[in-house]
Structure formats: structure tokens, C-alpha cells
């Protein structure tokens, strides 16, 4: 426990140092630039998904029964991962000190939408593509993972799963980030745009509510909130706390509702939702507020999965030796063209093997986290080197964004990559970088088609002058 506490305090110190460094280098009167520093967000997510859940479960005794935190092996695993977190953050921060970059002289120019409408065209086009594939997502039977829609699910090929899933989920994130940035810049005073934006958000919530996916329901709201926090200067802490409480309440409600709806459709439950909720043993034992907190923390946590993985690898199962990363190079090529393309290692299969989820659970995608995936491939050294590569990648990305921060499209691309620290945290890093490669392959030709006419017009004007 002392290891977790001391590492948590050091991690908080890194957050303060990053904030202070950017405050001294940049004019931060109008925007919270430090929210866009990858080291800040990385350490924030480590605290939220690793340290806070550990202390919560340890204090309230809600840790998984098959996980003993007092054994020598588990203590060793916790010490090693805490040391790696600290050392990677130290290297990251030290590298950031020596990184050459352009200063942001005026924060008012940050994410500045120019008068041209090319960015609007790009995000509108991407959003239309996303809507088309989300409708296809429903029609092809990929909509419901939990049987809430009778007769859906099942006969979809891997090729269709990859293509439809990429455009309906990954590209959807980019579209909502772009629209959210336009909301605060180019259309900050346009009421029609704001009404249309929230109308589309509500439609998204209604469309995905019965799908059983909390991420797809909340995605536009969470992305909008992140963009809003960049520009928010007053009542920042209060807004974070209120948002966290509302998010926790939603997760608790929807977790129970999803199970209730699925069992009702199968005819296993005949009582109303209120009666069904009151029968939950945790609510009976410790009350509704504890149920909400426990549901939210359990959703965030990743430390128990990591410890269960270290119990199983390599004692029971051999290390994968890079198998979960082999699909990266071929990830942009559709499986319909290369049927033999490697498949990413399934977290669901790993979860059943190691006891993270039940043996009969073929639906849930458990969170093995980046470090969990790295460990089952190469052991403890794998965690260090994978996180080091991630740190170097995001530091280069941050430096590039600082030089081009006035471009709303580049800013949207940067935030899209950056927030995969959050969205991809519980999944494997192989899937995250595979998504990045696909995204660049798709977005580059679209951007060239939309932006090339402007470049041509500019050259013609220069020649005529």
C-alpha cells in the first residue's frame, strides 16, 4: 500500500510540474493547454485506472476473491509496475525539457478556425460517412452485443467487422472532435449550428441506447466535454467533480438496466426495473451510493487484471512473444483483400483463460491495459519498452502539434490520437496503433481532395500578382 501511495504522490507531482512548465512557456489566460500535454493525460489515467481503484478496493474490501494483495508475488508485481510508471514519466518529462518547439505567443490563436470553410467541409464529409456506416452497422447485425434487439447479431464476417467497425466507431470519434472544436471556434456565436449539434448528439444517444454499449452512447458528450474543458477557465474543478458524479450515476444505472433489459427479453424477469434494482445484493448490503461508486470504480480499474495476468504468464501460459502486435503492418489492408491477415489477440479469450471474466462470458471485452498486453508478450521488460515507445511517439506528436496549433484539422487529428490514451487505455496498444495507421490511410486522401483546390487557387493568385 505504501508503494501505491508514494507512487501516486510522485505522479501528482508530475502533473503539477507539467502544468507549471506549460504555464511559464505559454500564455494560458484563455485556454488550458496543459490538458493537451500527453504526459499530463497519461499520468491522470494511471491515477484514475490504477491507483484510485486499488485504494478503493483495498479500503472497502471489494477486491476480487481470487486476488490476494498480501502475497509476495503480487507485492513484487505492484512494485515493478509502480517503478516503471515513475521511470517512464521521468524520462518523458526530461525529454520534454529539451524538446525544441515553437512557443504559443497568444493563447487566443490556439485552435483558431480561419475564415475558410475547408475544415467544415472535411468534418461534414467524415460525419456523413460515419452515419452511413453506423446504419450499415445496424443492418448487418453488429448493433447489439447483449441481445437487447431480438434477432440481431451473428453472421458477420471478420472483413465486414473490421471495415464497418472502423468507420462507425473510430472515425466517429474524429468527426465528433472536429464538430466540437468548430462549436467553440468558428461557430461559437452561431445558434443554428449549436442547435444542430445537440440534435445530432441526442439522435446518437437514442440510436445506441439499446445497443448495450455505454461508450457509443456517451462518446459525443465525452468528446465535447474534453474540448469544452480546454477553453474553460472558471469553475474548472467544480465542473470536473459534477461531471464525474453524473458519469458514475449513468454507469451504475446503465449497467443494471442493460442486464434487466436482456433478462426481460428472455422472460427471466417479470418485475419492474425499480423492484429489480432493489433486489441487487450490493444495494441491500451497503446502499445505493456505494453501489454507484463501486460500479464506476470497477469499470475504471485495471490493476486487478494486471495482477491476474502476472499470475498466469509465464507459469501457466507461455509469453506471446509479440503475437498481439503482428497485425499492425497489415492493418490498413482490408481482410477481404488479404484473408490470411493476422488477427489481433482477443482480450476476451485472455480474460477467460486468466479468470478476469467468467469462463462462459463470450461478450465482455475485459481491460488488460497497455501494460498488461506488453507483459503477456515480453514480461516486465516488455512493459518498460512498450511504454517508452508510446511516450516517445506522443512527445513527437505534441511537438508537431505545437508548431501547427492554429490549424483546426491538425488539432482535431492530434486530440483524436491523444484521447486514445483514454479510449484505448484498457485495450491493447497494438489495436490503438493499428487504428492510427488505418486513420491516416483514410484521412490523407480525403484531406488532399478537399484542401488541394485552395492550394491551387493560392498559387494562381500569387502568379497573377
Foldseek 3Di string as FASTA:
>chain_A
DVLLVVLLVLLVVLLVVLQVVLVVQAPPPFFRCSLLQLSNVLSVLCCQAARVLVVVCVVVVVDDPVDDCPDPLNVVLSNLVSVLNNVLSVVLVVVLVPDDFDTHHDCVLFLADDPDCLLVVQLVVLVVQLVVLVVVCVVQQNQALQCLDPPGHDPDDPLSCLVSVLSNPLSVLLSLLSLLSCCVHVCVPPPVSVVVNVVVLVVQLVSNVSRLDPCSNCRSVVSSVSSVNRRDDPCSVVVVVVVVLVVLVVQLVSVLVNVVSSCVVVVNDDDDSVVSVCPPPCCVVPHDVVSSVVSVSVVSYQSVLLSLLSVCPPVPPDAQQCLQQQQQVVLQPRCVVVVPRRDHDQQQVVCCVSVVDDVPDPRDRFFNFALSNLCSHPRSVSSNVVSSVVSVVLSVLVSVCSRVSSHNSSVSLSVSLSCCVVVVGRPYVSVSSSSVVNVCVPSVVSSCVSCVVVVVVVVVVVVVD
